[in-house]
Amino acid sequence: MKRKIKRIISILILLLFLIGLIPIKALRDDGGTVEYAAVFYRFILWNQKYAEVEDNSDLLDIKYRTGYHTGTSIYVFPFNFGEKEWNTK
């Protein structure tokens, strides 16, 4: 009897672990970033549009620089929770 209960508990733990590996796909509205999030990890394919202003302290000479931040980020449990932003440092 005890062996059967241990086996059932082991199978339930294994099933919960496998369910924790199934990702949910999320698309961000920032230029095409795709995020796959599960309980145990988060995988982000960055494609974030940005615009920077180069100010030369002259109102008529303001220049804009645009482009995309691209890259890949992987966060593993327990660091995969919370909102993740592109790190430019």
Protein backbone atom coordinates (compact mmCIF):
# COMPACT_ATOMS: atom_id res chain seq x y z
CA MET A 1 0.00 0.00 0.00
CA LYS A 2 2.76 2.47 0.89
CA ARG A 3 4.59 1.61 -2.31
CA LYS A 4 1.48 2.41 -4.36
CA ILE A 5 1.02 5.80 -2.65
CA LYS A 6 4.70 6.68 -3.22
CA ARG A 7 4.34 5.75 -6.88
CA ILE A 8 1.22 7.92 -7.28
CA ILE A 9 2.93 10.87 -5.58
CA SER A 10 6.01 10.44 -7.81
CA ILE A 11 3.85 10.42 -10.93
CA LEU A 12 1.96 13.54 -9.79
CA ILE A 13 5.22 15.40 -9.10
CA LEU A 14 6.55 14.41 -12.53
CA LEU A 15 3.33 15.58 -14.23
CA LEU A 16 3.43 18.93 -12.40
CA PHE A 17 7.06 19.39 -13.46
CA LEU A 18 6.22 18.62 -17.10
CA ILE A 19 3.26 21.03 -17.04
CA GLY A 20 5.63 23.70 -15.69
CA LEU A 21 7.76 23.33 -18.84
CA ILE A 22 4.94 24.13 -21.29
CA PRO A 23 5.40 27.72 -22.55
CA ILE A 24 2.81 30.36 -23.34
CA LYS A 25 3.58 32.57 -26.31
CA ALA A 26 3.12 36.33 -25.92
CA LEU A 27 3.66 39.04 -28.52
CA ARG A 28 4.64 42.50 -27.33
CA ASP A 29 3.47 45.64 -29.10
CA ASP A 30 6.94 47.17 -29.38
CA GLY A 31 8.05 46.23 -32.86
CA GLY A 32 7.93 42.44 -32.83
CA THR A 33 9.30 41.04 -29.57
CA VAL A 34 8.19 37.45 -28.92
CA GLU A 35 8.15 36.00 -25.42
CA TYR A 36 7.75 32.38 -24.33
CA ALA A 37 6.96 32.07 -20.62
CA ALA A 38 6.55 28.97 -18.49
CA VAL A 39 6.70 28.37 -14.75
CA PHE A 40 10.38 27.39 -14.82
CA TYR A 41 11.80 29.67 -17.53
CA ARG A 42 11.22 32.69 -19.79
CA PHE A 43 12.69 33.00 -23.30
CA ILE A 44 12.54 36.39 -25.06
CA LEU A 45 13.41 37.14 -28.68
CA TRP A 46 13.89 40.92 -28.65
CA ASN A 47 12.96 43.05 -31.64
CA GLN A 48 12.16 46.33 -29.96
CA LYS A 49 11.90 49.57 -31.92
CA TYR A 50 13.50 52.63 -30.35
CA ALA A 51 14.01 56.31 -31.08
CA GLU A 52 16.71 58.43 -29.48
CA VAL A 53 16.94 62.18 -29.62
CA GLU A 54 20.31 63.81 -30.14
CA ASP A 55 19.92 67.30 -28.73
CA ASN A 56 22.56 69.84 -29.69
CA SER A 57 20.84 72.53 -27.59
CA ASP A 58 19.57 74.13 -30.78
CA LEU A 59 15.83 73.78 -31.34
CA LEU A 60 16.24 73.73 -35.11
CA ASP A 61 18.95 71.06 -35.06
CA ILE A 62 17.26 68.13 -33.30
CA LYS A 63 18.21 64.77 -34.78
CA TYR A 64 16.45 61.48 -34.23
CA ARG A 65 18.18 58.15 -34.38
CA THR A 66 15.91 55.13 -34.80
CA GLY A 67 16.49 51.43 -35.00
CA TYR A 68 15.80 48.10 -33.35
CA HIS A 69 17.18 46.46 -30.24
CA THR A 70 17.60 42.80 -31.15
CA GLY A 71 18.80 39.85 -29.16
CA THR A 72 17.84 36.89 -27.05
CA SER A 73 17.32 36.62 -23.28
CA ILE A 74 16.82 33.49 -21.21
CA TYR A 75 15.67 33.67 -17.59
CA VAL A 76 15.55 30.56 -15.41
CA PHE A 77 13.52 29.98 -12.24
CA PRO A 78 13.35 31.98 -9.90
CA PHE A 79 14.54 34.95 -11.98
CA ASN A 80 11.90 34.55 -14.69
CA PHE A 81 9.11 36.40 -12.88
CA GLY A 82 8.21 40.07 -13.34
CA GLU A 83 8.35 42.44 -16.28
CA LYS A 84 11.56 42.27 -18.31
CA GLU A 85 12.92 45.30 -20.18
CA TRP A 86 15.70 45.61 -22.73
CA ASN A 87 18.97 46.32 -20.94
CA THR A 88 21.12 48.78 -22.91
CA LYS A 89 24.10 48.59 -20.53
